[in-house]
N, C-alpha and C. Protein backbone atom coordinates (compact mmCIF):
# COMPACT_ATOMS: atom_id res chain seq x y z
N MET A 1 -9.10 -2.60 7.85
CA MET A 1 -8.93 -0.74 7.89
C MET A 1 -8.83 -0.66 6.44
N ASN A 2 -9.36 1.27 6.45
CA ASN A 2 -9.75 1.38 5.28
C ASN A 2 -8.87 1.90 4.62
N ILE A 3 -8.46 2.37 3.60
CA ILE A 3 -8.06 2.99 2.42
C ILE A 3 -7.17 3.74 2.87
N GLY A 4 -7.71 4.74 3.98
CA GLY A 4 -6.39 6.31 4.16
C GLY A 4 -5.70 5.75 5.14
N ASP A 5 -6.30 4.60 5.91
CA ASP A 5 -4.98 3.94 6.60
C ASP A 5 -4.20 2.69 6.16
N ALA A 6 -4.23 2.04 5.23
CA ALA A 6 -3.88 1.63 4.69
C ALA A 6 -2.55 2.61 3.62
N ALA A 7 -2.99 3.39 3.09
CA ALA A 7 -1.86 4.18 2.24
C ALA A 7 -1.25 4.85 3.04
N GLU A 8 -1.39 5.37 4.66
CA GLU A 8 -0.56 6.24 5.34
C GLU A 8 0.55 5.52 5.95
N GLN A 9 -0.18 3.90 5.55
CA GLN A 9 0.82 2.24 6.32
C GLN A 9 2.17 2.51 5.71
N ALA A 10 1.35 2.45 4.31
CA ALA A 10 2.65 1.85 3.02
C ALA A 10 2.70 2.58 2.24
N LYS A 11 2.82 4.14 2.82
CA LYS A 11 3.65 5.39 2.39
C LYS A 11 2.88 5.21 0.95
N LEU A 12 1.85 5.10 0.48
CA LEU A 12 1.56 5.52 -1.06
C LEU A 12 0.25 6.37 -1.47
N PRO A 13 0.37 6.75 -2.45
CA PRO A 13 -1.70 7.47 -2.58
C PRO A 13 -2.73 6.47 -2.37
N ARG A 14 -3.88 7.30 -2.10
CA ARG A 14 -4.60 6.28 -2.67
C ARG A 14 -5.40 5.60 -3.50
N LYS A 15 -4.57 6.38 -4.78
CA LYS A 15 -5.37 6.14 -6.27
C LYS A 15 -3.96 5.07 -6.34
N THR A 16 -3.27 5.36 -5.81
CA THR A 16 -1.84 3.57 -6.73
C THR A 16 -2.91 2.34 -5.79
N ILE A 17 -3.42 2.75 -4.86
CA ILE A 17 -3.53 1.35 -4.17
C ILE A 17 -4.86 0.79 -4.82
N ARG A 18 -5.86 1.52 -5.38
CA ARG A 18 -6.84 1.58 -6.20
C ARG A 18 -6.46 1.15 -7.51
N TYR A 19 -5.47 1.79 -7.90
CA TYR A 19 -4.88 1.10 -9.36
C TYR A 19 -4.43 -0.71 -9.37
N TYR A 20 -3.49 -0.68 -7.88
CA TYR A 20 -2.67 -1.68 -7.58
C TYR A 20 -3.98 -2.92 -7.27
N GLU A 21 -5.19 -2.85 -6.91
CA GLU A 21 -6.43 -3.41 -6.58
C GLU A 21 -7.56 -4.15 -8.08
N GLU A 22 -6.80 -2.80 -9.05
CA GLU A 22 -7.62 -2.89 -10.44
C GLU A 22 -6.62 -4.06 -11.16
N ILE A 23 -5.94 -3.98 -11.05
CA ILE A 23 -4.79 -4.70 -11.88
C ILE A 23 -4.39 -5.72 -11.35
N GLY A 24 -5.22 -5.99 -9.84
CA GLY A 24 -4.94 -7.57 -9.64
C GLY A 24 -3.46 -7.88 -8.45
N LEU A 25 -2.62 -7.01 -8.00
CA LEU A 25 -2.03 -6.81 -7.60
C LEU A 25 -2.11 -7.13 -5.91
N ILE A 26 -2.94 -6.31 -5.67
CA ILE A 26 -4.32 -7.05 -3.88
C ILE A 26 -5.30 -7.02 -4.21
N ASN A 27 -5.76 -7.82 -3.43
CA ASN A 27 -7.04 -7.89 -3.29
C ASN A 27 -7.92 -7.44 -1.65
N PRO A 28 -8.06 -7.03 -1.75
CA PRO A 28 -8.84 -6.37 -0.27
C PRO A 28 -9.83 -7.24 0.18
N LEU A 29 -10.48 -7.61 0.91
CA LEU A 29 -11.82 -8.03 1.24
C LEU A 29 -12.21 -6.61 1.74
N ARG A 30 -14.02 -6.83 1.16
CA ARG A 30 -15.01 -6.57 1.20
C ARG A 30 -15.53 -6.30 2.19
N SER A 31 -15.73 -5.19 2.88
CA SER A 31 -16.86 -5.37 4.27
C SER A 31 -18.63 -5.30 3.38
N GLU A 32 -19.40 -5.40 4.48
CA GLU A 32 -20.84 -6.06 4.01
C GLU A 32 -21.56 -4.57 3.58
N ASN A 33 -21.00 -3.34 3.54
CA ASN A 33 -21.09 -1.95 2.87
C ASN A 33 -20.64 -2.29 1.60
N GLY A 34 -19.60 -2.69 1.55
CA GLY A 34 -18.91 -2.65 0.12
C GLY A 34 -17.40 -1.97 -0.26
N TYR A 35 -16.70 -1.33 1.38
CA TYR A 35 -15.79 -0.34 1.24
C TYR A 35 -14.60 -1.79 1.99
N ARG A 36 -14.04 -1.26 1.03
CA ARG A 36 -12.41 -2.06 1.15
C ARG A 36 -11.84 -2.42 2.28
N ASP A 37 -11.28 -3.59 2.99
CA ASP A 37 -11.21 -3.71 4.27
C ASP A 37 -9.92 -4.23 4.19
N TYR A 38 -8.16 -3.39 4.49
CA TYR A 38 -7.48 -3.56 4.08
C TYR A 38 -6.44 -4.43 4.91
N SER A 39 -6.33 -5.53 5.34
CA SER A 39 -5.50 -6.37 6.67
C SER A 39 -3.97 -6.28 6.23
N PRO A 40 -3.51 -5.90 7.57
CA PRO A 40 -1.78 -5.99 7.98
C PRO A 40 -1.28 -7.20 6.63
N ILE A 41 -1.87 -7.66 6.39
CA ILE A 41 -1.03 -8.80 4.90
C ILE A 41 -1.03 -7.69 3.97
N ASP A 42 -2.24 -7.46 3.42
CA ASP A 42 -2.33 -6.08 2.08
C ASP A 42 -1.66 -4.96 2.51
N VAL A 43 -1.22 -4.45 3.79
CA VAL A 43 -0.28 -3.45 3.78
C VAL A 43 1.20 -3.46 3.50
N HIS A 44 1.48 -5.39 3.85
CA HIS A 44 2.73 -5.52 3.91
C HIS A 44 2.91 -5.93 1.85
N ARG A 45 1.93 -6.56 1.52
CA ARG A 45 2.32 -6.47 0.24
C ARG A 45 2.39 -5.06 -0.39
N LEU A 46 2.17 -4.06 -0.03
CA LEU A 46 1.40 -2.59 -0.28
C LEU A 46 2.94 -2.35 -0.39
N ARG A 47 3.51 -2.45 0.88
CA ARG A 47 4.70 -2.30 1.11
C ARG A 47 5.98 -2.46 0.29
N PHE A 48 5.76 -4.09 0.06
CA PHE A 48 6.78 -4.29 -1.01
C PHE A 48 6.36 -4.17 -2.44
N LEU A 49 5.12 -3.56 -2.71
CA LEU A 49 5.10 -3.14 -4.56
C LEU A 49 5.86 -2.12 -4.23
N GLN A 50 5.58 -0.88 -3.35
CA GLN A 50 6.29 0.38 -3.25
C GLN A 50 7.92 0.39 -3.26
N ARG A 51 8.07 -0.30 -2.70
CA ARG A 51 9.50 -0.85 -2.27
C ARG A 51 9.95 -1.24 -3.66
N SER A 52 9.57 -2.10 -4.11
CA SER A 52 10.09 -2.87 -5.88
C SER A 52 10.32 -1.59 -6.47
N ARG A 53 8.68 -0.55 -6.71
CA ARG A 53 7.91 0.08 -7.29
C ARG A 53 9.91 1.17 -7.58
N SER A 54 10.37 1.74 -6.71
CA SER A 54 11.02 2.77 -6.15
C SER A 54 12.60 2.08 -6.29
N LEU A 55 13.02 0.49 -6.69
CA LEU A 55 13.71 0.51 -7.37
C LEU A 55 14.18 0.32 -8.53
N GLY A 56 12.99 0.56 -9.73
CA GLY A 56 12.53 0.80 -10.61
C GLY A 56 12.16 -0.62 -11.47
N PHE A 57 11.25 -1.17 -10.43
CA PHE A 57 10.56 -2.59 -11.10
C PHE A 57 9.41 -2.32 -11.74
N THR A 58 9.03 -2.95 -12.76
CA THR A 58 7.73 -2.10 -13.53
C THR A 58 6.87 -3.43 -12.85
N ILE A 59 5.50 -2.98 -13.37
CA ILE A 59 4.31 -3.70 -12.27
C ILE A 59 4.44 -4.83 -12.81
N GLU A 60 4.89 -5.11 -14.13
CA GLU A 60 4.97 -6.38 -14.36
C GLU A 60 6.30 -7.66 -13.69
N GLU A 61 6.97 -6.59 -13.40
CA GLU A 61 8.28 -7.49 -12.68
C GLU A 61 7.64 -7.66 -11.59
N CYS A 62 6.64 -6.20 -10.55
CA CYS A 62 6.77 -6.64 -9.58
C CYS A 62 5.43 -7.54 -9.62
N ARG A 63 4.84 -8.01 -10.12
CA ARG A 63 3.92 -8.74 -10.53
C ARG A 63 4.70 -10.64 -10.28
N LEU A 64 5.42 -10.47 -10.91
CA LEU A 64 6.83 -11.80 -11.04
C LEU A 64 7.16 -11.63 -9.89
N LEU A 65 7.80 -10.63 -9.16
CA LEU A 65 8.19 -10.54 -7.82
C LEU A 65 7.08 -11.01 -6.98
N LEU A 66 6.08 -10.26 -6.74
CA LEU A 66 4.84 -11.09 -5.74
C LEU A 66 4.73 -12.51 -5.72
N SER A 67 4.62 -12.93 -7.07
CA SER A 67 4.20 -14.21 -7.12
C SER A 67 5.15 -14.95 -6.89
N LEU A 68 6.59 -14.75 -6.91
CA LEU A 68 7.93 -15.71 -6.23
C LEU A 68 7.63 -15.07 -4.63
N TYR A 69 7.39 -14.28 -4.22
CA TYR A 69 7.17 -13.57 -2.43
C TYR A 69 6.13 -15.09 -2.12
N ASP A 70 5.10 -15.12 -2.58
CA ASP A 70 4.03 -16.00 -2.18
C ASP A 70 4.14 -17.53 -2.35
N ASP A 71 5.17 -17.47 -3.30
CA ASP A 71 5.81 -19.20 -3.48
C ASP A 71 6.92 -19.41 -2.27
N LYS A 72 6.44 -20.39 -1.54
CA LYS A 72 7.41 -20.62 0.07
C LYS A 72 7.96 -21.74 -1.21
N HIS A 73 8.47 -21.86 -1.95
CA HIS A 73 9.46 -23.38 -3.09
C HIS A 73 9.83 -22.72 -3.95
N ARG A 74 9.86 -20.96 -3.90
CA ARG A 74 10.93 -20.81 -5.39
C ARG A 74 12.46 -21.06 -5.05
N ALA A 75 12.92 -20.68 -5.79
CA ALA A 75 14.15 -21.07 -6.20
C ALA A 75 15.22 -19.46 -6.16
N SER A 76 15.55 -19.18 -4.92
CA SER A 76 16.23 -17.65 -4.96
C SER A 76 16.67 -17.13 -6.22
N ALA A 77 17.31 -18.34 -7.00
CA ALA A 77 17.78 -18.20 -8.74
C ALA A 77 16.88 -17.26 -9.67
N ASP A 78 15.66 -17.46 -9.77
CA ASP A 78 14.90 -16.97 -10.02
C ASP A 78 14.60 -15.23 -9.27
N VAL A 79 14.32 -15.09 -8.05
CA VAL A 79 14.56 -13.93 -7.86
C VAL A 79 16.00 -13.19 -8.01
N LYS A 80 17.03 -13.85 -8.12
CA LYS A 80 18.63 -12.96 -8.39
C LYS A 80 18.51 -12.77 -10.05
N ALA A 81 17.98 -13.58 -10.70
CA ALA A 81 17.81 -13.37 -12.21
C ALA A 81 17.16 -11.94 -12.62
N ILE A 82 15.78 -12.16 -11.77
CA ILE A 82 15.24 -10.69 -12.11
C ILE A 82 15.77 -9.54 -11.73
N ALA A 83 16.64 -9.45 -10.67
CA ALA A 83 17.58 -8.65 -9.88
C ALA A 83 18.60 -7.99 -11.04
N GLU A 84 19.16 -9.17 -11.29
CA GLU A 84 20.52 -8.62 -11.77
C GLU A 84 20.06 -8.61 -13.41
N ALA A 85 18.98 -8.85 -14.31
CA ALA A 85 18.08 -7.95 -15.32
C ALA A 85 17.74 -6.50 -14.90
N LYS A 86 17.60 -6.12 -14.02
CA LYS A 86 17.63 -4.77 -13.87
C LYS A 86 18.72 -3.88 -13.75
N VAL A 87 19.81 -4.82 -12.99
CA VAL A 87 20.95 -4.23 -12.81
C VAL A 87 21.65 -3.62 -14.31
N HIS A 88 21.25 -4.66 -15.32
CA HIS A 88 21.61 -4.60 -16.86
C HIS A 88 20.75 -3.55 -16.91
N GLU A 89 19.62 -3.17 -16.64
CA GLU A 89 19.02 -2.40 -17.78
C GLU A 89 18.95 -0.95 -17.49
N ILE A 90 19.41 -0.98 -15.68
CA ILE A 90 19.93 0.55 -15.64
C ILE A 90 21.28 0.58 -15.78
N ASP A 91 22.29 -0.51 -15.69
CA ASP A 91 23.39 -0.03 -16.27
C ASP A 91 23.68 0.59 -17.87
N GLN A 92 22.64 -0.10 -18.91
CA GLN A 92 22.22 0.15 -20.10
C GLN A 92 21.79 2.06 -20.40
N LYS A 93 20.80 2.38 -19.40
CA LYS A 93 20.07 3.75 -18.78
C LYS A 93 21.21 4.49 -18.59
N ILE A 94 22.26 4.10 -17.76
CA ILE A 94 23.01 4.82 -17.71
C ILE A 94 24.01 5.29 -18.40
N LYS A 95 24.49 4.30 -19.39
CA LYS A 95 25.07 4.83 -20.86
C LYS A 95 24.54 5.83 -21.24
N GLU A 96 23.03 5.27 -21.57
CA GLU A 96 22.77 6.22 -22.73
C GLU A 96 23.41 7.95 -22.26
N LEU A 97 22.24 7.61 -21.07
CA LEU A 97 22.30 9.31 -20.27
C LEU A 97 23.34 9.65 -20.50
N THR A 98 24.70 9.27 -20.38
CA THR A 98 26.58 9.42 -20.23
C THR A 98 26.51 10.24 -21.60
N GLU A 99 25.49 9.22 -22.48
CA GLU A 99 26.46 9.38 -23.82
C GLU A 99 25.84 10.81 -24.59
N LEU A 100 23.97 11.02 -23.87
CA LEU A 100 23.10 12.11 -24.18
C LEU A 100 23.90 13.48 -23.21
N LYS A 101 24.65 13.18 -22.33
CA LYS A 101 24.71 14.60 -21.18
C LYS A 101 26.49 15.03 -22.09
N ALA A 102 27.06 13.81 -23.02
CA ALA A 102 28.25 14.57 -23.49
C ALA A 102 27.60 14.87 -24.65
N THR A 103 26.83 14.87 -25.49
CA THR A 103 26.49 15.53 -26.55
C THR A 103 25.79 16.51 -26.05
N LEU A 104 24.83 17.03 -25.14
CA LEU A 104 24.47 18.06 -25.04
C LEU A 104 25.19 19.24 -24.67
N SER A 105 26.60 19.02 -23.58
CA SER A 105 27.21 19.15 -23.08
C SER A 105 28.39 20.24 -24.13
N ALA A 106 28.43 18.99 -25.47
CA ALA A 106 29.64 19.58 -26.49
C ALA A 106 28.74 20.53 -26.93
N LEU A 107 27.39 19.99 -27.24
CA LEU A 107 26.75 21.69 -27.79
C LEU A 107 26.58 22.73 -27.21
N ALA A 108 26.83 22.55 -25.73
CA ALA A 108 26.11 23.80 -24.80
C ALA A 108 27.52 24.35 -25.17
N HIS A 109 28.25 24.11 -25.18
CA HIS A 109 29.79 24.84 -24.95
C HIS A 109 30.17 25.57 -26.31
N SER A 110 29.72 24.81 -27.36
CA SER A 110 29.99 25.26 -28.62
C SER A 110 28.92 26.40 -28.84
N CYS A 111 28.00 26.78 -28.24
CA CYS A 111 27.00 28.03 -28.23
C CYS A 111 27.75 29.56 -27.81
N HIS A 112 27.46 30.24 -28.48
CA HIS A 112 28.43 31.44 -28.00
C HIS A 112 27.54 31.75 -26.65
N GLY A 113 25.82 31.45 -26.60
CA GLY A 113 24.94 32.39 -25.39
C GLY A 113 24.87 33.39 -25.50
N ASP A 114 25.01 34.75 -26.41
CA ASP A 114 24.87 35.61 -26.62
C ASP A 114 23.34 36.13 -27.54
N ARG A 115 23.80 37.60 -28.06
CA ARG A 115 22.28 38.19 -28.38
C ARG A 115 22.58 37.53 -30.14
N ARG A 116 23.58 36.83 -30.84
CA ARG A 116 23.62 36.75 -31.64
C ARG A 116 22.87 35.54 -32.54
N PRO A 117 22.05 35.37 -33.75
CA PRO A 117 21.13 34.30 -34.03
C PRO A 117 21.68 33.34 -34.53
N ASP A 118 22.98 32.88 -34.75
CA ASP A 118 23.73 31.84 -34.52
C ASP A 118 23.53 30.84 -33.34
N CYS A 119 23.62 29.82 -33.36
CA CYS A 119 22.98 28.64 -32.45
C CYS A 119 23.57 27.59 -33.03
N PRO A 120 24.91 26.67 -32.53
CA PRO A 120 24.98 25.48 -32.56
C PRO A 120 24.26 24.93 -32.66
N ILE A 121 23.78 24.83 -31.55
CA ILE A 121 22.46 23.76 -30.45
C ILE A 121 21.58 23.65 -31.17
N ILE A 122 20.90 25.14 -31.94
CA ILE A 122 19.89 25.23 -32.69
C ILE A 122 19.85 23.95 -34.19
N ASN A 123 21.16 23.99 -34.59
CA ASN A 123 21.71 23.77 -36.12
C ASN A 123 21.36 22.38 -36.13
N ASP A 124 22.07 21.83 -34.92
CA ASP A 124 22.29 20.31 -34.54
C ASP A 124 20.71 19.78 -34.36
N LEU A 125 19.86 20.40 -33.45
CA LEU A 125 18.48 20.11 -33.53
C LEU A 125 18.00 20.18 -35.30
N ALA A 126 18.34 20.81 -35.69
CA ALA A 126 17.47 20.47 -37.30
C ALA A 126 18.31 20.17 -38.26
N GLY A 127 19.46 19.39 -37.35
CA GLY A 127 19.99 18.70 -38.74
C GLY A 127 21.05 19.23 -39.55
N GLY A 128 21.80 20.25 -38.78
CA GLY A 128 22.42 21.08 -40.04
C GLY A 128 22.52 22.59 -39.73
N PRO A 129 23.39 23.07 -40.73
CA PRO A 129 23.03 24.80 -40.55
C PRO A 129 21.63 24.90 -41.66
N CYS A 130 21.08 25.80 -40.44
CA CYS A 130 19.80 26.42 -41.63
C CYS A 130 20.09 27.44 -42.52
N ALA A 131 19.54 27.45 -43.52
CA ALA A 131 19.72 28.59 -44.37
C ALA A 131 19.04 29.97 -44.25
């Protein structure tokens, strides 16, 4: 099938599919005229990548997950370790975002939001009161 059909079935933009090919995540066959010819297996791998990326895995993590997917002798513990590391990373990001939200909320609360030039948010961004 052509890239348009593969893109539709995998729910990915053509540009993303070309990028995945460029970096070696997929390797569709080429027809005699040089066009990419995507197989059902290629589409399945594209869906795998789309789902993996939607869960926050990086390209390199996707590469590793694909290699584990291809390895029929893999240990599920290896896959679990990758997922648990991603959960830990997400927990860290949530913590950081929660702290950022609290700081920004406190700054917004301390600002009068009127026509006066005095603004605690600007002062904080500038590193303290401006003269």
